[in-house]
Amino acid sequence: MTDFATSVDRLLNQVRVWEQPRWRVDGRNDRAYALVQLLADLGADAEGQPRRPVPREHDMILPDQLRVMADDLLAAAPPGAALDEATAAVNELRYSLDRK
C-alpha cells in the first residue's frame, strides 16, 4: 500500500502544475486517462462492483481524477496483486513522462 501511495504522490507532484499544451505532447493526456480508468477498474473489482467508464474531462482535471481514483482504490482494500499492478502502471507512466 505504501509503495502505491508514494508512487501516486510522486506522479502528482510531477504533473499537477502542467498547463494544457504539455498534457498534449506525445499523448500524455491519453496515457494519464488510461491510468485513471485502470485505477477505477481495479477499485471496482476490489469492491465486487461492475466496471464503469470514467468520464473523460478536460486534461487539466487529470491530476484530480488520478488522486480520486487512487484514494478510492486504497479505500477498497484490494488484494496485493491489484496494488502491485496499480503501482507498476503509475510508475510506468511517471517514468515515460520523464523521458519526454
C-alpha atoms as a PDB file:
ATOM      1  CA  MET A   1       0.000   0.000   0.000  1.00  0.00           C
ATOM      2  CA  THR A   2       2.791   2.414   0.870  1.00  0.00           C
ATOM      3  CA  ASP A   3       4.558   1.878  -2.463  1.00  0.00           C
ATOM      4  CA  PHE A   4       1.363   2.665  -4.359  1.00  0.00           C
ATOM      5  CA  ALA A   5       0.613   5.802  -2.329  1.00  0.00           C
ATOM      6  CA  THR A   6       4.194   7.012  -2.708  1.00  0.00           C
ATOM      7  CA  SER A   7       4.174   6.387  -6.460  1.00  0.00           C
ATOM      8  CA  VAL A   8       0.905   8.283  -6.862  1.00  0.00           C
ATOM      9  CA  ASP A   9       2.217  11.210  -4.830  1.00  0.00           C
ATOM     10  CA  ARG A  10       5.356  11.352  -6.963  1.00  0.00           C
ATOM     11  CA  LEU A  11       3.323  11.287 -10.170  1.00  0.00           C
ATOM     12  CA  LEU A  12       1.001  14.021  -8.940  1.00  0.00           C
ATOM     13  CA  ASN A  13       3.929  16.193  -7.873  1.00  0.00           C
ATOM     14  CA  GLN A  14       5.304  15.788 -11.378  1.00  0.00           C
ATOM     15  CA  VAL A  15       2.140  16.732 -13.300  1.00  0.00           C
ATOM     16  CA  ARG A  16      -0.065  18.922 -11.126  1.00  0.00           C
ATOM     17  CA  VAL A  17       1.466  22.161 -12.424  1.00  0.00           C
ATOM     18  CA  TRP A  18       1.286  21.255 -16.101  1.00  0.00           C
ATOM     19  CA  GLU A  19      -0.536  23.542 -18.477  1.00  0.00           C
ATOM     20  CA  GLN A  20      -2.769  22.309 -21.308  1.00  0.00           C
ATOM     21  CA  PRO A  21      -0.128  22.189 -24.077  1.00  0.00           C
ATOM     22  CA  ARG A  22       2.173  19.992 -22.004  1.00  0.00           C
ATOM     23  CA  TRP A  23      -0.571  17.413 -21.476  1.00  0.00           C
ATOM     24  CA  ARG A  24      -0.992  17.000 -25.224  1.00  0.00           C
ATOM     25  CA  VAL A  25       2.652  16.201 -26.010  1.00  0.00           C
ATOM     26  CA  ASP A  26       3.002  12.614 -27.235  1.00  0.00           C
ATOM     27  CA  GLY A  27      -0.450  11.619 -25.984  1.00  0.00           C
ATOM     28  CA  ARG A  28       0.379  12.198 -22.302  1.00  0.00           C
ATOM     29  CA  ASN A  29      -3.247  13.091 -21.656  1.00  0.00           C
ATOM     30  CA  ASP A  30      -4.475   9.819 -23.143  1.00  0.00           C
ATOM     31  CA  ARG A  31      -1.935   7.768 -21.196  1.00  0.00           C
ATOM     32  CA  ALA A  32      -2.868   9.524 -17.956  1.00  0.00           C
ATOM     33  CA  TYR A  33      -6.559   8.945 -18.637  1.00  0.00           C
ATOM     34  CA  ALA A  34      -5.850   5.257 -19.307  1.00  0.00           C
ATOM     35  CA  LEU A  35      -4.255   5.092 -15.855  1.00  0.00           C
ATOM     36  CA  VAL A  36      -7.308   6.769 -14.319  1.00  0.00           C
ATOM     37  CA  GLN A  37      -9.507   4.121 -15.933  1.00  0.00           C
ATOM     38  CA  LEU A  38      -7.246   1.281 -14.799  1.00  0.00           C
ATOM     39  CA  LEU A  39      -7.362   2.503 -11.197  1.00  0.00           C
ATOM     40  CA  ALA A  40     -11.145   2.778 -11.406  1.00  0.00           C
ATOM     41  CA  ASP A  41     -11.387  -0.760 -12.811  1.00  0.00           C
ATOM     42  CA  LEU A  42      -9.150  -2.208 -10.100  1.00  0.00           C
ATOM     43  CA  GLY A  43     -11.210  -0.415  -7.454  1.00  0.00           C
ATOM     44  CA  ALA A  44     -14.465  -1.743  -8.888  1.00  0.00           C
ATOM     45  CA  ASP A  45     -13.039  -5.256  -8.963  1.00  0.00           C
ATOM     46  CA  ALA A  46     -11.937  -4.972  -5.317  1.00  0.00           C
ATOM     47  CA  GLU A  47     -15.426  -3.819  -4.316  1.00  0.00           C
ATOM     48  CA  GLY A  48     -17.160  -6.500  -6.367  1.00  0.00           C
ATOM     49  CA  GLN A  49     -18.832  -3.824  -8.484  1.00  0.00           C
ATOM     50  CA  PRO A  50     -19.184  -3.643 -12.263  1.00  0.00           C
ATOM     51  CA  ARG A  51     -16.560  -1.682 -14.140  1.00  0.00           C
ATOM     52  CA  ARG A  52     -17.782   1.639 -15.498  1.00  0.00           C
ATOM     53  CA  PRO A  53     -16.107   4.173 -17.768  1.00  0.00           C
ATOM     54  CA  VAL A  54     -14.678   7.229 -16.037  1.00  0.00           C
ATOM     55  CA  PRO A  55     -15.868  10.448 -17.708  1.00  0.00           C
ATOM     56  CA  ARG A  56     -13.174  11.957 -19.915  1.00  0.00           C
ATOM     57  CA  GLU A  57     -12.932  15.506 -18.657  1.00  0.00           C
ATOM     58  CA  HIS A  58     -10.616  18.388 -19.599  1.00  0.00           C
ATOM     59  CA  ASP A  59      -6.919  17.494 -19.371  1.00  0.00           C
ATOM     60  CA  MET A  60      -6.404  19.930 -16.515  1.00  0.00           C
ATOM     61  CA  ILE A  61      -8.681  17.707 -14.399  1.00  0.00           C
ATOM     62  CA  LEU A  62      -6.471  14.623 -14.839  1.00  0.00           C
ATOM     63  CA  PRO A  63      -4.451  15.150 -11.623  1.00  0.00           C
ATOM     64  CA  ASP A  64      -7.692  15.394  -9.641  1.00  0.00           C
ATOM     65  CA  GLN A  65      -9.060  12.261 -11.292  1.00  0.00           C
ATOM     66  CA  LEU A  66      -5.831  10.413 -10.542  1.00  0.00           C
ATOM     67  CA  ARG A  67      -5.995  11.433  -6.881  1.00  0.00           C
ATOM     68  CA  VAL A  68      -9.643  10.423  -6.501  1.00  0.00           C
ATOM     69  CA  MET A  69      -9.212   7.057  -8.214  1.00  0.00           C
ATOM     70  CA  ALA A  70      -6.054   6.300  -6.218  1.00  0.00           C
ATOM     71  CA  ASP A  71      -7.826   7.154  -2.953  1.00  0.00           C
ATOM     72  CA  ASP A  72     -10.843   5.065  -3.972  1.00  0.00           C
ATOM     73  CA  LEU A  73      -8.611   2.120  -4.804  1.00  0.00           C
ATOM     74  CA  LEU A  74      -6.892   2.293  -1.427  1.00  0.00           C
ATOM     75  CA  ALA A  75     -10.240   2.554   0.348  1.00  0.00           C
ATOM     76  CA  ALA A  76     -11.430  -0.592  -1.443  1.00  0.00           C
ATOM     77  CA  ALA A  77      -8.589  -2.584   0.166  1.00  0.00           C
ATOM     78  CA  PRO A  78      -7.678  -4.514  -2.989  1.00  0.00           C
ATOM     79  CA  PRO A  79      -5.598  -7.672  -2.932  1.00  0.00           C
ATOM     80  CA  GLY A  80      -1.840  -7.258  -3.097  1.00  0.00           C
ATOM     81  CA  ALA A  81      -1.667  -8.274  -6.749  1.00  0.00           C
ATOM     82  CA  ALA A  82      -4.035  -5.458  -7.716  1.00  0.00           C
ATOM     83  CA  LEU A  83      -1.947  -2.917  -5.785  1.00  0.00           C
ATOM     84  CA  ASP A  84       1.187  -4.257  -7.445  1.00  0.00           C
ATOM     85  CA  GLU A  85      -0.444  -3.833 -10.861  1.00  0.00           C
ATOM     86  CA  ALA A  86      -1.572  -0.307  -9.994  1.00  0.00           C
ATOM     87  CA  THR A  87       1.861   0.648  -8.652  1.00  0.00           C
ATOM     88  CA  ALA A  88       3.575  -0.676 -11.778  1.00  0.00           C
ATOM     89  CA  ALA A  89       1.169   1.279 -14.013  1.00  0.00           C
ATOM     90  CA  VAL A  90       1.717   4.506 -12.060  1.00  0.00           C
ATOM     91  CA  ASN A  91       5.495   4.087 -12.193  1.00  0.00           C
ATOM     92  CA  GLU A  92       5.421   3.238 -15.891  1.00  0.00           C
ATOM     93  CA  LEU A  93       3.513   6.438 -16.662  1.00  0.00           C
ATOM     94  CA  ARG A  94       5.731   8.523 -14.398  1.00  0.00           C
ATOM     95  CA  TYR A  95       8.931   7.214 -15.976  1.00  0.00           C
ATOM     96  CA  SER A  96       7.584   7.629 -19.503  1.00  0.00           C
ATOM     97  CA  LEU A  97       6.751  11.265 -18.750  1.00  0.00           C
ATOM     98  CA  ASP A  98      10.308  11.868 -17.507  1.00  0.00           C
ATOM     99  CA  ARG A  99      11.763  10.681 -20.795  1.00  0.00           C
ATOM    100  CA  LYS A 100       9.876  13.143 -22.950  1.00  0.00           C
END
